[in-house]
Amino acid sequence: MLWIIRVVKMIKDYLSLKSYNIEKQNEEDILLPKSNVLQFFLEDNTKITVRPSGTEPKIKFYLGVKENSLEQAKKSLEILGEEILKYSK
């Protein structure tokens, strides 16, 4: 099994309205309405947003990557999606 290490650099918690910058070791307020959403920002500029479904007993994941081409972005999203599915079972 291949393990891919991903380092979280910031977490935004929209329920507590706090942003935690792990790199700078500080906390800031989020000036938006409360929402049951967590966002994880990784050192490779990947963004993972997690929230419960409003109508079903499910957790929804939204993934964002930054790459130099559409092909690289699709591949990165595929790998990231597989990683999340592997750990969500």
C-alpha atoms as a PDB file:
ATOM      1  CA  MET A   1       0.000   0.000   0.000  1.00  0.00           C
ATOM      2  CA  LEU A   2       1.294   3.443  -0.945  1.00  0.00           C
ATOM      3  CA  TRP A   3       0.921   6.100   1.733  1.00  0.00           C
ATOM      4  CA  ILE A   4       0.712   9.708   0.639  1.00  0.00           C
ATOM      5  CA  ILE A   5       1.513  12.178   3.401  1.00  0.00           C
ATOM      6  CA  ARG A   6      -0.485  15.391   3.288  1.00  0.00           C
ATOM      7  CA  VAL A   7       0.239  18.216   5.708  1.00  0.00           C
ATOM      8  CA  VAL A   8      -2.586  20.479   6.876  1.00  0.00           C
ATOM      9  CA  LYS A   9      -1.533  24.126   7.145  1.00  0.00           C
ATOM     10  CA  MET A  10      -4.891  25.703   8.052  1.00  0.00           C
ATOM     11  CA  ILE A  11      -8.315  24.633   9.308  1.00  0.00           C
ATOM     12  CA  LYS A  12     -11.429  26.791   9.046  1.00  0.00           C
ATOM     13  CA  ASP A  13     -14.349  25.874  11.292  1.00  0.00           C
ATOM     14  CA  TYR A  14     -17.434  27.772  10.169  1.00  0.00           C
ATOM     15  CA  LEU A  15     -19.517  26.517  13.101  1.00  0.00           C
ATOM     16  CA  SER A  16     -17.196  28.054  15.704  1.00  0.00           C
ATOM     17  CA  LEU A  17     -16.254  30.853  13.250  1.00  0.00           C
ATOM     18  CA  LYS A  18     -12.542  30.265  13.873  1.00  0.00           C
ATOM     19  CA  SER A  19      -9.641  29.835  11.499  1.00  0.00           C
ATOM     20  CA  TYR A  20      -6.589  27.979  12.834  1.00  0.00           C
ATOM     21  CA  ASN A  21      -3.305  28.616  11.039  1.00  0.00           C
ATOM     22  CA  ILE A  22      -1.100  25.706  12.017  1.00  0.00           C
ATOM     23  CA  GLU A  23       1.995  27.108  10.302  1.00  0.00           C
ATOM     24  CA  LYS A  24       1.827  30.454  12.127  1.00  0.00           C
ATOM     25  CA  GLN A  25       0.259  28.932  15.249  1.00  0.00           C
ATOM     26  CA  ASN A  26      -2.474  31.528  15.477  1.00  0.00           C
ATOM     27  CA  GLU A  27      -6.242  31.756  15.477  1.00  0.00           C
ATOM     28  CA  GLU A  28      -8.484  34.266  13.718  1.00  0.00           C
ATOM     29  CA  ASP A  29     -12.200  34.964  13.649  1.00  0.00           C
ATOM     30  CA  ILE A  30     -14.198  34.161  10.508  1.00  0.00           C
ATOM     31  CA  LEU A  31     -16.592  36.994   9.704  1.00  0.00           C
ATOM     32  CA  LEU A  32     -19.309  34.964   7.969  1.00  0.00           C
ATOM     33  CA  PRO A  33     -22.597  33.416   9.123  1.00  0.00           C
ATOM     34  CA  LYS A  34     -22.272  30.162  11.100  1.00  0.00           C
ATOM     35  CA  SER A  35     -22.460  26.974   9.075  1.00  0.00           C
ATOM     36  CA  ASN A  36     -21.701  23.316   9.784  1.00  0.00           C
ATOM     37  CA  VAL A  37     -18.659  23.281   7.491  1.00  0.00           C
ATOM     38  CA  LEU A  38     -14.984  22.459   7.961  1.00  0.00           C
ATOM     39  CA  GLN A  39     -12.255  23.364   5.467  1.00  0.00           C
ATOM     40  CA  PHE A  40      -8.750  21.937   5.430  1.00  0.00           C
ATOM     41  CA  PHE A  41      -6.017  23.734   3.489  1.00  0.00           C
ATOM     42  CA  LEU A  42      -2.984  21.588   2.713  1.00  0.00           C
ATOM     43  CA  GLU A  43       0.595  22.591   1.986  1.00  0.00           C
ATOM     44  CA  ASP A  44       0.238  21.591  -1.687  1.00  0.00           C
ATOM     45  CA  ASN A  45      -2.662  24.100  -2.094  1.00  0.00           C
ATOM     46  CA  THR A  46      -5.269  21.350  -1.935  1.00  0.00           C
ATOM     47  CA  LYS A  47      -8.537  22.369  -0.259  1.00  0.00           C
ATOM     48  CA  ILE A  48     -10.917  19.850   1.304  1.00  0.00           C
ATOM     49  CA  THR A  49     -14.339  21.085   2.405  1.00  0.00           C
ATOM     50  CA  VAL A  50     -16.517  18.816   4.541  1.00  0.00           C
ATOM     51  CA  ARG A  51     -20.153  19.250   5.555  1.00  0.00           C
ATOM     52  CA  PRO A  52     -23.136  17.080   6.435  1.00  0.00           C
ATOM     53  CA  SER A  53     -25.866  16.626   3.864  1.00  0.00           C
ATOM     54  CA  GLY A  54     -28.956  18.652   4.617  1.00  0.00           C
ATOM     55  CA  THR A  55     -31.345  15.912   3.488  1.00  0.00           C
ATOM     56  CA  GLU A  56     -29.534  12.576   3.957  1.00  0.00           C
ATOM     57  CA  PRO A  57     -27.393  10.907   6.634  1.00  0.00           C
ATOM     58  CA  LYS A  58     -24.218  11.536   4.631  1.00  0.00           C
ATOM     59  CA  ILE A  59     -21.054  13.594   4.825  1.00  0.00           C
ATOM     60  CA  LYS A  60     -20.218  15.538   1.690  1.00  0.00           C
ATOM     61  CA  PHE A  61     -16.652  16.252   0.576  1.00  0.00           C
ATOM     62  CA  TYR A  62     -15.705  18.990  -1.871  1.00  0.00           C
ATOM     63  CA  LEU A  63     -12.162  18.851  -3.244  1.00  0.00           C
ATOM     64  CA  GLY A  64     -10.056  21.545  -4.843  1.00  0.00           C
ATOM     65  CA  VAL A  65      -6.548  21.336  -6.280  1.00  0.00           C
ATOM     66  CA  LYS A  66      -4.182  23.697  -8.060  1.00  0.00           C
ATOM     67  CA  GLU A  67      -2.088  22.248 -10.866  1.00  0.00           C
ATOM     68  CA  ASN A  68      -0.359  23.458 -14.012  1.00  0.00           C
ATOM     69  CA  SER A  69      -2.772  21.733 -16.391  1.00  0.00           C
ATOM     70  CA  LEU A  70      -6.284  20.348 -16.511  1.00  0.00           C
ATOM     71  CA  GLU A  71      -4.891  16.834 -16.956  1.00  0.00           C
ATOM     72  CA  GLN A  72      -2.734  17.152 -13.824  1.00  0.00           C
ATOM     73  CA  ALA A  73      -5.677  18.565 -11.875  1.00  0.00           C
ATOM     74  CA  LYS A  74      -7.921  15.668 -12.893  1.00  0.00           C
ATOM     75  CA  LYS A  75      -5.268  13.143 -11.858  1.00  0.00           C
ATOM     76  CA  SER A  76      -4.692  14.895  -8.512  1.00  0.00           C
ATOM     77  CA  LEU A  77      -8.442  14.967  -7.817  1.00  0.00           C
ATOM     78  CA  GLU A  78      -8.730  11.277  -8.673  1.00  0.00           C
ATOM     79  CA  ILE A  79      -5.899  10.346  -6.277  1.00  0.00           C
ATOM     80  CA  LEU A  80      -7.252  12.579  -3.514  1.00  0.00           C
ATOM     81  CA  GLY A  81     -10.765  11.191  -3.932  1.00  0.00           C
ATOM     82  CA  GLU A  82      -9.428   7.625  -3.695  1.00  0.00           C
ATOM     83  CA  GLU A  83      -7.516   8.508  -0.518  1.00  0.00           C
ATOM     84  CA  ILE A  84     -10.602   9.988   1.113  1.00  0.00           C
ATOM     85  CA  LEU A  85     -12.780   7.036   0.149  1.00  0.00           C
ATOM     86  CA  LYS A  86     -10.186   4.626   1.530  1.00  0.00           C
ATOM     87  CA  TYR A  87     -10.296   6.267   4.960  1.00  0.00           C
ATOM     88  CA  SER A  88     -14.020   6.983   5.073  1.00  0.00           C
ATOM     89  CA  LYS A  89     -15.200   3.369   5.086  1.00  0.00           C
END
